[in-house]
Amino acid sequence: LRGVSAVAVMIFHFEAIYLMNLDHPDLFPPAPSQSLHLALLGVELFFMLSGFVILMSAEGSKSASSFLWKRSARIYPAYWASVVPAALSIFVIYGISKHELSITLINFTMFQSFFGVQNLISPYWTLAYELWFYVLMAIIIRTKRTDAMPELCMCWIVFMIAMKLMQRSGIMPINNTVNILTLHHFGFFFIIGMMTYLVVKGNRTLMVFICLIISILSTLRGRSDWAEVPPVTYFLSTVVFELVLLAAATSRLKILERPSLLWLGQQSYSLYLLHMPVGLLLWMTCHWLGVDRLMAVVLSVPVTIGLAWLSRRFIEIPGQTLLLGTSKVRVLQSVQSGQSP
């Protein structure tokens, strides 16, 4: 499912690159103008998957520090490797004046969104939400309250609804940092994933189902940001995602167990990080050579998948091995068996 999500986001961005204005490359087409713009909802599915596997991981963590270290070892090596081509794509297309060196350096921390610093490439925006979710989960691990997740999620839901109402009334300012720290929009998707995990695990209490239903119903407000996803479309997409996640988690969706899709899922993180700079660099190269921009999109798919495999093989796994102090074989075995999300 992670592979499917990454490919969906890649399709959305590659269509945007194809439609980019050659004279004004920083003017991406409005999302609703794209034929395949609903592929951007792969991000929402990503958040649901994170809620599922991170709660599973948190329950097996011995300490908050251990959990955070393992998460860092999982996400940072491939991310650091992606910052270089991301910065290169910005330089090649926009010139040295587009971003100061300090912006690139801050992007290496993955904390740029918390500092109000621009992301080098658009896919990076989701990482801030993931990081903050990890911190919240670490706090729960530290307080030994993972067994009270339904009740905690209910409190979180009330808080998110209150924050949304305060923003609408003007009491709370609307800015990116506040949105990340309160998670009042995308937090519902993390909760859907966590509650689905509990259902699959056998924890089918009333509170679990209440949290799950309220979180799904929250999508009836739609997505009113740049994505402009209508309420009904947003809600129905979430319902479909939930049904697919539930079917996959209970081994009732055999098509997802095909070796090719499992392999794609293993490359999904690097695929997500690398597709944008690859697409931008090939788009500019074809522009310089006078080649049809469609060629850039066509070439970007195999090039991105190939580079994602290389990143996975030579950066992600060795990086985890180095940071966790475990043998490469053990890391590979745990990842392939699904025990180390």
C-alpha atoms as a PDB file:
ATOM      1  CA  LEU A   1       0.000   0.000   0.000  1.00  0.00           C
ATOM      2  CA  ARG A   2       2.888   2.387   0.667  1.00  0.00           C
ATOM      3  CA  GLY A   3       4.128   1.672  -2.849  1.00  0.00           C
ATOM      4  CA  VAL A   4       0.708   2.440  -4.295  1.00  0.00           C
ATOM      5  CA  SER A   5       0.569   5.678  -2.270  1.00  0.00           C
ATOM      6  CA  ALA A   6       4.016   6.783  -3.443  1.00  0.00           C
ATOM      7  CA  VAL A   7       3.178   6.060  -7.084  1.00  0.00           C
ATOM      8  CA  ALA A   8      -0.079   8.020  -6.770  1.00  0.00           C
ATOM      9  CA  VAL A   9       1.752  11.093  -5.441  1.00  0.00           C
ATOM     10  CA  MET A  10       4.389  10.679  -8.162  1.00  0.00           C
ATOM     11  CA  ILE A  11       1.692  10.637 -10.850  1.00  0.00           C
ATOM     12  CA  PHE A  12       0.167  13.825  -9.449  1.00  0.00           C
ATOM     13  CA  HIS A  13       3.495  15.647  -9.422  1.00  0.00           C
ATOM     14  CA  PHE A  14       4.610  14.386 -12.823  1.00  0.00           C
ATOM     15  CA  GLU A  15       1.404  15.670 -14.408  1.00  0.00           C
ATOM     16  CA  ALA A  16       2.015  19.028 -12.700  1.00  0.00           C
ATOM     17  CA  ILE A  17       5.567  19.086 -14.082  1.00  0.00           C
ATOM     18  CA  TYR A  18       4.236  18.254 -17.549  1.00  0.00           C
ATOM     19  CA  LEU A  19       1.812  21.201 -17.335  1.00  0.00           C
ATOM     20  CA  MET A  20       4.359  23.648 -15.909  1.00  0.00           C
ATOM     21  CA  ASN A  21       4.744  27.003 -17.636  1.00  0.00           C
ATOM     22  CA  LEU A  22       8.098  27.008 -19.418  1.00  0.00           C
ATOM     23  CA  ASP A  23       8.476  30.767 -18.967  1.00  0.00           C
ATOM     24  CA  HIS A  24       7.473  30.726 -15.292  1.00  0.00           C
ATOM     25  CA  PRO A  25       8.595  27.372 -13.861  1.00  0.00           C
ATOM     26  CA  ASP A  26       7.637  28.309 -10.317  1.00  0.00           C
ATOM     27  CA  LEU A  27       4.000  28.563 -11.352  1.00  0.00           C
ATOM     28  CA  PHE A  28       2.645  25.056 -10.963  1.00  0.00           C
ATOM     29  CA  PRO A  29      -0.857  24.494 -12.348  1.00  0.00           C
ATOM     30  CA  PRO A  30      -3.706  24.630  -9.809  1.00  0.00           C
ATOM     31  CA  ALA A  31      -4.346  21.129  -8.496  1.00  0.00           C
ATOM     32  CA  PRO A  32      -8.013  20.952  -9.628  1.00  0.00           C
ATOM     33  CA  SER A  33      -6.930  21.748 -13.203  1.00  0.00           C
ATOM     34  CA  GLN A  34      -5.057  18.456 -13.411  1.00  0.00           C
ATOM     35  CA  SER A  35      -6.863  15.435 -14.803  1.00  0.00           C
ATOM     36  CA  LEU A  36      -5.266  13.160 -12.193  1.00  0.00           C
ATOM     37  CA  HIS A  37      -5.238  15.609  -9.297  1.00  0.00           C
ATOM     38  CA  LEU A  38      -7.003  13.189  -6.926  1.00  0.00           C
ATOM     39  CA  ALA A  39      -3.802  11.132  -6.975  1.00  0.00           C
ATOM     40  CA  LEU A  40      -2.533  13.654  -4.393  1.00  0.00           C
ATOM     41  CA  LEU A  41      -4.721  11.833  -1.882  1.00  0.00           C
ATOM     42  CA  GLY A  42      -1.969   9.240  -1.732  1.00  0.00           C
ATOM     43  CA  VAL A  43      -0.645  11.457   1.082  1.00  0.00           C
ATOM     44  CA  GLU A  44      -3.792  10.871   3.145  1.00  0.00           C
ATOM     45  CA  LEU A  45      -3.369   7.126   2.664  1.00  0.00           C
ATOM     46  CA  PHE A  46       0.276   7.509   3.745  1.00  0.00           C
ATOM     47  CA  PHE A  47      -0.848   9.137   6.999  1.00  0.00           C
ATOM     48  CA  MET A  48      -3.346   6.339   7.643  1.00  0.00           C
ATOM     49  CA  LEU A  49      -0.644   3.734   7.055  1.00  0.00           C
ATOM     50  CA  SER A  50       1.660   5.611   9.429  1.00  0.00           C
ATOM     51  CA  GLY A  51      -0.969   5.557  12.150  1.00  0.00           C
ATOM     52  CA  PHE A  52      -1.332   1.794  11.711  1.00  0.00           C
ATOM     53  CA  VAL A  53       2.332   0.769  11.659  1.00  0.00           C
ATOM     54  CA  ILE A  54       3.645   3.391  14.109  1.00  0.00           C
ATOM     55  CA  LEU A  55       1.217   2.311  16.824  1.00  0.00           C
ATOM     56  CA  MET A  56       2.256  -1.283  16.147  1.00  0.00           C
ATOM     57  CA  SER A  57       5.884  -0.220  16.461  1.00  0.00           C
ATOM     58  CA  ALA A  58       5.210   1.868  19.581  1.00  0.00           C
ATOM     59  CA  GLU A  59       3.618  -1.068  21.394  1.00  0.00           C
ATOM     60  CA  GLY A  60       6.793  -3.063  20.864  1.00  0.00           C
ATOM     61  CA  SER A  61       9.173  -0.275  21.886  1.00  0.00           C
ATOM     62  CA  LYS A  62      11.023  -0.571  25.166  1.00  0.00           C
ATOM     63  CA  SER A  63      11.442   3.173  25.629  1.00  0.00           C
ATOM     64  CA  ALA A  64      10.632   6.514  24.045  1.00  0.00           C
ATOM     65  CA  SER A  65      14.285   7.155  23.213  1.00  0.00           C
ATOM     66  CA  SER A  66      14.584   3.760  21.532  1.00  0.00           C
ATOM     67  CA  PHE A  67      11.445   4.442  19.502  1.00  0.00           C
ATOM     68  CA  LEU A  68      12.666   7.864  18.341  1.00  0.00           C
ATOM     69  CA  TRP A  69      16.123   6.559  17.501  1.00  0.00           C
ATOM     70  CA  LYS A  70      14.689   3.760  15.384  1.00  0.00           C
ATOM     71  CA  ARG A  71      12.386   6.216  13.631  1.00  0.00           C
ATOM     72  CA  SER A  72      15.314   8.545  12.957  1.00  0.00           C
ATOM     73  CA  ALA A  73      17.406   5.689  11.598  1.00  0.00           C
ATOM     74  CA  ARG A  74      14.519   4.790   9.319  1.00  0.00           C
ATOM     75  CA  ILE A  75      13.821   8.213   7.817  1.00  0.00           C
ATOM     76  CA  TYR A  76      17.004  10.280   7.884  1.00  0.00           C
ATOM     77  CA  PRO A  77      19.558   8.442   5.668  1.00  0.00           C
ATOM     78  CA  ALA A  78      17.373   8.430   2.554  1.00  0.00           C
ATOM     79  CA  TYR A  79      16.151  11.946   3.340  1.00  0.00           C
ATOM     80  CA  TRP A  80      19.674  13.344   3.568  1.00  0.00           C
ATOM     81  CA  ALA A  81      20.489  11.710   0.236  1.00  0.00           C
ATOM     82  CA  SER A  82      17.444  13.344  -1.367  1.00  0.00           C
ATOM     83  CA  VAL A  83      18.299  16.883  -0.231  1.00  0.00           C
ATOM     84  CA  VAL A  84      21.279  17.031  -2.617  1.00  0.00           C
ATOM     85  CA  PRO A  85      19.330  16.371  -5.847  1.00  0.00           C
ATOM     86  CA  ALA A  86      16.476  18.509  -4.507  1.00  0.00           C
ATOM     87  CA  ALA A  87      18.831  21.473  -4.058  1.00  0.00           C
ATOM     88  CA  LEU A  88      20.399  20.752  -7.451  1.00  0.00           C
ATOM     89  CA  SER A  89      17.011  20.786  -9.184  1.00  0.00           C
ATOM     90  CA  ILE A  90      16.196  24.155  -7.607  1.00  0.00           C
ATOM     91  CA  PHE A  91      19.567  25.569  -8.686  1.00  0.00           C
ATOM     92  CA  VAL A  92      19.350  24.255 -12.256  1.00  0.00           C
ATOM     93  CA  ILE A  93      15.833  25.524 -12.872  1.00  0.00           C
ATOM     94  CA  TYR A  94      15.653  28.728 -10.876  1.00  0.00           C
ATOM     95  CA  GLY A  95      19.281  29.758 -10.436  1.00  0.00           C
ATOM     96  CA  ILE A  96      21.345  30.405  -7.348  1.00  0.00           C
ATOM     97  CA  SER A  97      19.145  33.299  -6.226  1.00  0.00           C
ATOM     98  CA  LYS A  98      16.043  31.153  -5.692  1.00  0.00           C
ATOM     99  CA  HIS A  99      17.196  29.821  -2.322  1.00  0.00           C
ATOM    100  CA  GLU A 100      19.984  30.901  -0.041  1.00  0.00           C
ATOM    101  CA  LEU A 101      22.457  28.254   1.076  1.00  0.00           C
ATOM    102  CA  SER A 102      21.094  28.536   4.614  1.00  0.00           C
ATOM    103  CA  ILE A 103      17.701  27.277   3.420  1.00  0.00           C
ATOM    104  CA  THR A 104      19.302  24.152   1.987  1.00  0.00           C
ATOM    105  CA  LEU A 105      21.275  23.592   5.182  1.00  0.00           C
ATOM    106  CA  ILE A 106      18.152  23.965   7.336  1.00  0.00           C
ATOM    107  CA  ASN A 107      16.361  21.504   5.067  1.00  0.00           C
ATOM    108  CA  PHE A 108      18.983  18.913   6.035  1.00  0.00           C
ATOM    109  CA  THR A 109      17.525  18.959   9.575  1.00  0.00           C
ATOM    110  CA  MET A 110      13.989  18.093   8.369  1.00  0.00           C
ATOM    111  CA  PHE A 111      12.777  20.747  10.826  1.00  0.00           C
ATOM    112  CA  GLN A 112      12.387  23.521   8.239  1.00  0.00           C
ATOM    113  CA  SER A 113       8.592  23.673   8.497  1.00  0.00           C
ATOM    114  CA  PHE A 114       8.826  24.251  12.275  1.00  0.00           C
ATOM    115  CA  PHE A 115      11.209  27.161  11.663  1.00  0.00           C
ATOM    116  CA  GLY A 116       9.031  28.730   8.990  1.00  0.00           C
ATOM    117  CA  VAL A 117      11.648  27.930   6.337  1.00  0.00           C
ATOM    118  CA  GLN A 118      10.573  26.899   2.855  1.00  0.00           C
ATOM    119  CA  ASN A 119      10.827  23.256   1.811  1.00  0.00           C
ATOM    120  CA  LEU A 120      13.224  22.683  -1.072  1.00  0.00           C
ATOM    121  CA  ILE A 121      10.625  20.508  -2.815  1.00  0.00           C
ATOM    122  CA  SER A 122       6.920  20.165  -2.120  1.00  0.00           C
ATOM    123  CA  PRO A 123       6.878  16.492  -0.967  1.00  0.00           C
ATOM    124  CA  TYR A 124       8.889  17.482   2.107  1.00  0.00           C
ATOM    125  CA  TRP A 125       5.871  19.184   3.708  1.00  0.00           C
ATOM    126  CA  THR A 126       4.418  15.865   4.887  1.00  0.00           C
ATOM    127  CA  LEU A 127       7.563  14.965   6.823  1.00  0.00           C
ATOM    128  CA  ALA A 128       6.903  17.642   9.443  1.00  0.00           C
ATOM    129  CA  TYR A 129       3.556  16.017  10.244  1.00  0.00           C
ATOM    130  CA  GLU A 130       5.214  12.614  10.463  1.00  0.00           C
ATOM    131  CA  LEU A 131       7.948  13.922  12.772  1.00  0.00           C
ATOM    132  CA  TRP A 132       5.499  15.572  15.135  1.00  0.00           C
ATOM    133  CA  PHE A 133       3.357  12.432  15.202  1.00  0.00           C
ATOM    134  CA  TYR A 134       6.477  10.474  16.202  1.00  0.00           C
ATOM    135  CA  VAL A 135       7.128  12.912  19.044  1.00  0.00           C
ATOM    136  CA  LEU A 136       3.567  12.572  20.323  1.00  0.00           C
ATOM    137  CA  MET A 137       3.824   8.790  20.180  1.00  0.00           C
ATOM    138  CA  ALA A 138       7.145   8.933  22.052  1.00  0.00           C
ATOM    139  CA  ILE A 139       5.453  10.922  24.816  1.00  0.00           C
ATOM    140  CA  ILE A 140       2.753   8.259  25.064  1.00  0.00           C
ATOM    141  CA  ILE A 141       5.409   5.539  25.235  1.00  0.00           C
ATOM    142  CA  ARG A 142       7.271   7.497  27.914  1.00  0.00           C
ATOM    143  CA  THR A 143       4.131   7.767  30.043  1.00  0.00           C
ATOM    144  CA  LYS A 144       3.310   4.082  29.395  1.00  0.00           C
ATOM    145  CA  ARG A 145      -0.148   4.892  28.056  1.00  0.00           C
ATOM    146  CA  THR A 146      -0.207   2.983  24.780  1.00  0.00           C
ATOM    147  CA  ASP A 147      -2.971   0.818  26.279  1.00  0.00           C
ATOM    148  CA  ALA A 148      -5.164   3.918  26.547  1.00  0.00           C
ATOM    149  CA  MET A 149      -4.937   4.956  22.881  1.00  0.00           C
ATOM    150  CA  PRO A 150      -8.711   5.050  22.234  1.00  0.00           C
ATOM    151  CA  GLU A 151      -9.287   7.425  25.154  1.00  0.00           C
ATOM    152  CA  LEU A 152      -6.272   9.548  24.225  1.00  0.00           C
ATOM    153  CA  CYS A 153      -7.425   9.705  20.611  1.00  0.00           C
ATOM    154  CA  MET A 154     -10.880  10.809  21.737  1.00  0.00           C
ATOM    155  CA  CYS A 155      -9.275  13.699  23.628  1.00  0.00           C
ATOM    156  CA  TRP A 156      -7.177  14.455  20.543  1.00  0.00           C
ATOM    157  CA  ILE A 157     -10.303  14.538  18.363  1.00  0.00           C
ATOM    158  CA  VAL A 158     -12.037  17.009  20.694  1.00  0.00           C
ATOM    159  CA  PHE A 159      -8.894  19.165  20.700  1.00  0.00           C
ATOM    160  CA  MET A 160      -8.622  19.157  16.888  1.00  0.00           C
ATOM    161  CA  ILE A 161     -12.264  20.085  16.452  1.00  0.00           C
ATOM    162  CA  ALA A 162     -11.858  22.912  18.976  1.00  0.00           C
ATOM    163  CA  MET A 163      -8.750  24.187  17.166  1.00  0.00           C
ATOM    164  CA  LYS A 164     -10.569  24.160  13.848  1.00  0.00           C
ATOM    165  CA  LEU A 165     -13.455  26.129  15.306  1.00  0.00           C
ATOM    166  CA  MET A 166     -11.089  28.662  16.896  1.00  0.00           C
ATOM    167  CA  GLN A 167      -9.316  29.203  13.589  1.00  0.00           C
ATOM    168  CA  ARG A 168     -12.600  29.736  11.809  1.00  0.00           C
ATOM    169  CA  SER A 169     -13.686  32.266  14.430  1.00  0.00           C
ATOM    170  CA  GLY A 170     -10.348  34.077  14.244  1.00  0.00           C
ATOM    171  CA  ILE A 171      -9.306  33.288  17.820  1.00  0.00           C
ATOM    172  CA  MET A 172      -6.416  31.124  16.668  1.00  0.00           C
ATOM    173  CA  PRO A 173      -4.105  32.327  13.856  1.00  0.00           C
ATOM    174  CA  ILE A 174      -3.909  30.279  10.675  1.00  0.00           C
ATOM    175  CA  ASN A 175      -0.311  29.452   9.868  1.00  0.00           C
ATOM    176  CA  ASN A 176       1.662  26.391   8.899  1.00  0.00           C
ATOM    177  CA  THR A 177       3.417  25.882  12.237  1.00  0.00           C
ATOM    178  CA  VAL A 178       0.124  25.964  14.163  1.00  0.00           C
ATOM    179  CA  ASN A 179      -1.383  23.508  11.688  1.00  0.00           C
ATOM    180  CA  ILE A 180       1.494  21.083  12.214  1.00  0.00           C
ATOM    181  CA  LEU A 181       1.603  21.307  16.004  1.00  0.00           C
ATOM    182  CA  THR A 182      -2.151  20.892  16.400  1.00  0.00           C
ATOM    183  CA  LEU A 183      -2.521  18.350  13.570  1.00  0.00           C
ATOM    184  CA  HIS A 184      -6.146  19.443  13.428  1.00  0.00           C
ATOM    185  CA  HIS A 185      -6.529  18.449   9.792  1.00  0.00           C
ATOM    186  CA  PHE A 186      -4.352  15.434   9.042  1.00  0.00           C
ATOM    187  CA  GLY A 187      -4.385  14.084  12.588  1.00  0.00           C
ATOM    188  CA  PHE A 188      -7.684  12.363  11.834  1.00  0.00           C
ATOM    189  CA  PHE A 189      -5.947  10.138   9.292  1.00  0.00           C
ATOM    190  CA  PHE A 190      -3.349   9.027  11.829  1.00  0.00           C
ATOM    191  CA  ILE A 191      -6.213   8.160  14.186  1.00  0.00           C
ATOM    192  CA  ILE A 192      -8.012   6.175  11.476  1.00  0.00           C
ATOM    193  CA  GLY A 193      -4.849   4.117  10.989  1.00  0.00           C
ATOM    194  CA  MET A 194      -4.357   3.563  14.718  1.00  0.00           C
ATOM    195  CA  MET A 195      -7.961   2.563  15.347  1.00  0.00           C
ATOM    196  CA  THR A 196      -7.851   0.205  12.370  1.00  0.00           C
ATOM    197  CA  TYR A 197      -4.777  -1.432  13.886  1.00  0.00           C
ATOM    198  CA  LEU A 198      -6.619  -1.894  17.183  1.00  0.00           C
ATOM    199  CA  VAL A 199      -9.624  -3.395  15.402  1.00  0.00           C
ATOM    200  CA  VAL A 200      -7.424  -5.844  13.531  1.00  0.00           C
ATOM    201  CA  LYS A 201      -5.606  -6.660  16.772  1.00  0.00           C
ATOM    202  CA  GLY A 202      -8.908  -7.537  18.418  1.00  0.00           C
ATOM    203  CA  ASN A 203      -9.500  -4.401  20.495  1.00  0.00           C
ATOM    204  CA  ARG A 204     -13.042  -3.695  19.327  1.00  0.00           C
ATOM    205  CA  THR A 205     -14.379  -1.558  22.130  1.00  0.00           C
ATOM    206  CA  LEU A 206     -17.036   1.098  21.657  1.00  0.00           C
ATOM    207  CA  MET A 207     -14.474   3.878  22.097  1.00  0.00           C
ATOM    208  CA  VAL A 208     -12.330   2.477  19.264  1.00  0.00           C
ATOM    209  CA  PHE A 209     -15.278   2.511  16.862  1.00  0.00           C
ATOM    210  CA  ILE A 210     -16.408   5.972  17.991  1.00  0.00           C
ATOM    211  CA  CYS A 211     -12.932   7.395  17.297  1.00  0.00           C
ATOM    212  CA  LEU A 212     -12.799   5.623  13.948  1.00  0.00           C
ATOM    213  CA  ILE A 213     -16.233   6.802  12.822  1.00  0.00           C
ATOM    214  CA  ILE A 214     -15.769  10.413  13.951  1.00  0.00           C
ATOM    215  CA  SER A 215     -12.377  10.593  12.216  1.00  0.00           C
ATOM    216  CA  ILE A 216     -13.829   9.286   8.957  1.00  0.00           C
ATOM    217  CA  LEU A 217     -16.822  11.632   9.183  1.00  0.00           C
ATOM    218  CA  SER A 218     -14.461  14.576   9.759  1.00  0.00           C
ATOM    219  CA  THR A 219     -13.426  14.318   6.109  1.00  0.00           C
ATOM    220  CA  LEU A 220     -16.910  15.491   5.098  1.00  0.00           C
ATOM    221  CA  ARG A 221     -15.531  19.020   5.433  1.00  0.00           C
ATOM    222  CA  GLY A 222     -13.359  18.359   2.393  1.00  0.00           C
ATOM    223  CA  ARG A 223      -9.916  19.792   1.789  1.00  0.00           C
ATOM    224  CA  SER A 224     -10.170  23.516   1.318  1.00  0.00           C
ATOM    225  CA  ASP A 225      -6.453  24.256   0.909  1.00  0.00           C
ATOM    226  CA  TRP A 226      -4.587  24.334  -2.412  1.00  0.00           C
ATOM    227  CA  ALA A 227      -5.758  20.761  -3.124  1.00  0.00           C
ATOM    228  CA  GLU A 228      -9.413  21.871  -3.245  1.00  0.00           C
ATOM    229  CA  VAL A 229     -10.917  18.408  -2.803  1.00  0.00           C
ATOM    230  CA  PRO A 230     -14.733  18.564  -2.506  1.00  0.00           C
ATOM    231  CA  PRO A 231     -16.287  17.206   0.729  1.00  0.00           C
ATOM    232  CA  VAL A 232     -18.081  14.220  -0.811  1.00  0.00           C
ATOM    233  CA  THR A 233     -15.001  13.201  -2.823  1.00  0.00           C
ATOM    234  CA  TYR A 234     -12.761  13.532   0.223  1.00  0.00           C
ATOM    235  CA  PHE A 235     -15.125  11.490   2.383  1.00  0.00           C
ATOM    236  CA  LEU A 236     -15.667   8.708  -0.158  1.00  0.00           C
ATOM    237  CA  SER A 237     -11.918   8.476  -0.817  1.00  0.00           C
ATOM    238  CA  THR A 238     -11.286   8.082   2.916  1.00  0.00           C
ATOM    239  CA  VAL A 239     -13.919   5.338   3.158  1.00  0.00           C
ATOM    240  CA  VAL A 240     -12.297   3.487   0.259  1.00  0.00           C
ATOM    241  CA  PHE A 241      -8.847   3.877   1.841  1.00  0.00           C
ATOM    242  CA  GLU A 242     -10.158   2.502   5.137  1.00  0.00           C
ATOM    243  CA  LEU A 243     -11.752  -0.505   3.467  1.00  0.00           C
ATOM    244  CA  VAL A 244      -8.576  -1.219   1.513  1.00  0.00           C
ATOM    245  CA  LEU A 245      -6.402  -0.848   4.623  1.00  0.00           C
ATOM    246  CA  LEU A 246      -8.675  -3.145   6.611  1.00  0.00           C
ATOM    247  CA  ALA A 247      -8.711  -5.732   3.829  1.00  0.00           C
ATOM    248  CA  ALA A 248      -4.940  -5.584   3.455  1.00  0.00           C
ATOM    249  CA  ALA A 249      -4.324  -5.840   7.190  1.00  0.00           C
ATOM    250  CA  THR A 250      -6.488  -8.954   7.409  1.00  0.00           C
ATOM    251  CA  SER A 251      -4.878 -10.565   4.325  1.00  0.00           C
ATOM    252  CA  ARG A 252      -8.094 -10.335   2.320  1.00  0.00           C
ATOM    253  CA  LEU A 253      -6.549  -8.319  -0.496  1.00  0.00           C
ATOM    254  CA  LYS A 254      -4.223 -10.866  -2.050  1.00  0.00           C
ATOM    255  CA  ILE A 255      -3.306  -8.655  -5.002  1.00  0.00           C
ATOM    256  CA  LEU A 256      -1.206  -6.513  -2.642  1.00  0.00           C
ATOM    257  CA  GLU A 257       0.879  -9.545  -1.715  1.00  0.00           C
ATOM    258  CA  ARG A 258       2.322  -9.893  -5.209  1.00  0.00           C
ATOM    259  CA  PRO A 259       6.143  -9.756  -5.173  1.00  0.00           C
ATOM    260  CA  SER A 260       6.203  -6.773  -7.532  1.00  0.00           C
ATOM    261  CA  LEU A 261       3.988  -4.685  -5.239  1.00  0.00           C
ATOM    262  CA  LEU A 262       5.839  -5.791  -2.123  1.00  0.00           C
ATOM    263  CA  TRP A 263       9.080  -4.752  -3.825  1.00  0.00           C
ATOM    264  CA  LEU A 264       7.571  -1.402  -4.785  1.00  0.00           C
ATOM    265  CA  GLY A 265       6.469  -0.911  -1.196  1.00  0.00           C
ATOM    266  CA  GLN A 266      10.040  -1.404   0.012  1.00  0.00           C
ATOM    267  CA  GLN A 267      11.225   1.383  -2.307  1.00  0.00           C
ATOM    268  CA  SER A 268       8.291   3.678  -1.471  1.00  0.00           C
ATOM    269  CA  TYR A 269      10.082   6.082   0.886  1.00  0.00           C
ATOM    270  CA  SER A 270      12.972   6.781  -1.474  1.00  0.00           C
ATOM    271  CA  LEU A 271      10.511   6.912  -4.357  1.00  0.00           C
ATOM    272  CA  TYR A 272       8.519   9.566  -2.535  1.00  0.00           C
ATOM    273  CA  LEU A 273      11.620  11.633  -1.775  1.00  0.00           C
ATOM    274  CA  LEU A 274      13.314  11.421  -5.174  1.00  0.00           C
ATOM    275  CA  HIS A 275      10.541  11.652  -7.762  1.00  0.00           C
ATOM    276  CA  MET A 276      10.219  15.443  -7.643  1.00  0.00           C
ATOM    277  CA  PRO A 277      13.885  16.394  -8.185  1.00  0.00           C
ATOM    278  CA  VAL A 278      14.222  13.700 -10.868  1.00  0.00           C
ATOM    279  CA  GLY A 279      11.140  14.988 -12.680  1.00  0.00           C
ATOM    280  CA  LEU A 280      12.273  18.620 -12.472  1.00  0.00           C
ATOM    281  CA  LEU A 281      15.819  17.884 -13.678  1.00  0.00           C
ATOM    282  CA  LEU A 282      14.634  15.787 -16.617  1.00  0.00           C
ATOM    283  CA  TRP A 283      11.986  18.394 -17.461  1.00  0.00           C
ATOM    284  CA  MET A 284      14.663  21.083 -17.645  1.00  0.00           C
ATOM    285  CA  THR A 285      17.041  18.844 -19.605  1.00  0.00           C
ATOM    286  CA  CYS A 286      14.395  18.108 -22.237  1.00  0.00           C
ATOM    287  CA  HIS A 287      13.573  21.812 -22.372  1.00  0.00           C
ATOM    288  CA  TRP A 288      17.209  22.673 -23.053  1.00  0.00           C
ATOM    289  CA  LEU A 289      17.509  19.985 -25.735  1.00  0.00           C
ATOM    290  CA  GLY A 290      14.284  20.997 -27.422  1.00  0.00           C
ATOM    291  CA  VAL A 291      12.703  17.615 -26.697  1.00  0.00           C
ATOM    292  CA  ASP A 292       8.969  17.296 -26.062  1.00  0.00           C
ATOM    293  CA  ARG A 293       8.243  17.649 -22.337  1.00  0.00           C
ATOM    294  CA  LEU A 294       6.285  14.405 -22.476  1.00  0.00           C
ATOM    295  CA  MET A 295       9.628  12.646 -22.849  1.00  0.00           C
ATOM    296  CA  ALA A 296      10.694  14.065 -19.490  1.00  0.00           C
ATOM    297  CA  VAL A 297       7.669  12.505 -17.801  1.00  0.00           C
ATOM    298  CA  VAL A 298       8.122   9.180 -19.587  1.00  0.00           C
ATOM    299  CA  LEU A 299      11.795   8.993 -18.627  1.00  0.00           C
ATOM    300  CA  SER A 300      11.156  10.149 -15.056  1.00  0.00           C
ATOM    301  CA  VAL A 301       9.211   7.016 -14.102  1.00  0.00           C
ATOM    302  CA  PRO A 302      11.928   4.374 -14.704  1.00  0.00           C
ATOM    303  CA  VAL A 303      14.715   6.739 -13.614  1.00  0.00           C
ATOM    304  CA  THR A 304      12.954   7.496 -10.315  1.00  0.00           C
ATOM    305  CA  ILE A 305      12.202   3.828  -9.625  1.00  0.00           C
ATOM    306  CA  GLY A 306      15.804   2.896 -10.432  1.00  0.00           C
ATOM    307  CA  LEU A 307      17.250   5.606  -8.192  1.00  0.00           C
ATOM    308  CA  ALA A 308      14.807   4.657  -5.424  1.00  0.00           C
ATOM    309  CA  TRP A 309      16.105   1.092  -5.586  1.00  0.00           C
ATOM    310  CA  LEU A 310      19.704   2.319  -5.413  1.00  0.00           C
ATOM    311  CA  SER A 311      18.847   4.579  -2.491  1.00  0.00           C
ATOM    312  CA  ARG A 312      17.134   1.723  -0.700  1.00  0.00           C
ATOM    313  CA  ARG A 313      19.973  -0.696  -1.397  1.00  0.00           C
ATOM    314  CA  PHE A 314      22.969   1.534  -0.709  1.00  0.00           C
ATOM    315  CA  ILE A 315      21.656   4.293   1.597  1.00  0.00           C
ATOM    316  CA  GLU A 316      18.511   3.336   3.517  1.00  0.00           C
ATOM    317  CA  ILE A 317      19.535  -0.137   4.657  1.00  0.00           C
ATOM    318  CA  PRO A 318      23.243   0.645   5.290  1.00  0.00           C
ATOM    319  CA  GLY A 319      22.161   3.837   7.083  1.00  0.00           C
ATOM    320  CA  GLN A 320      19.887   1.889   9.405  1.00  0.00           C
ATOM    321  CA  THR A 321      22.618  -0.678   9.935  1.00  0.00           C
ATOM    322  CA  LEU A 322      25.078   2.039  10.904  1.00  0.00           C
ATOM    323  CA  LEU A 323      22.724   3.965  13.180  1.00  0.00           C
ATOM    324  CA  LEU A 324      21.096   0.985  14.857  1.00  0.00           C
ATOM    325  CA  GLY A 325      24.243  -1.099  15.171  1.00  0.00           C
ATOM    326  CA  THR A 326      22.555  -4.197  13.726  1.00  0.00           C
ATOM    327  CA  SER A 327      23.762  -6.460  10.969  1.00  0.00           C
ATOM    328  CA  LYS A 328      22.563  -5.848   7.463  1.00  0.00           C
ATOM    329  CA  VAL A 329      21.030  -9.309   7.282  1.00  0.00           C
ATOM    330  CA  ARG A 330      18.986  -8.755  10.421  1.00  0.00           C
ATOM    331  CA  VAL A 331      17.691  -5.390   9.197  1.00  0.00           C
ATOM    332  CA  LEU A 332      16.740  -6.881   5.832  1.00  0.00           C
ATOM    333  CA  GLN A 333      14.960  -9.800   7.441  1.00  0.00           C
ATOM    334  CA  SER A 334      12.973  -7.610   9.826  1.00  0.00           C
ATOM    335  CA  VAL A 335      11.911  -5.212   7.085  1.00  0.00           C
ATOM    336  CA  GLN A 336      10.896  -7.988   4.700  1.00  0.00           C
ATOM    337  CA  SER A 337       8.878  -9.752   7.388  1.00  0.00           C
ATOM    338  CA  GLY A 338       7.030  -6.540   8.265  1.00  0.00           C
ATOM    339  CA  GLN A 339       8.287  -6.439  11.856  1.00  0.00           C
ATOM    340  CA  SER A 340      10.164  -3.156  11.440  1.00  0.00           C
ATOM    341  CA  PRO A 341       7.859  -0.574   9.856  1.00  0.00           C
END
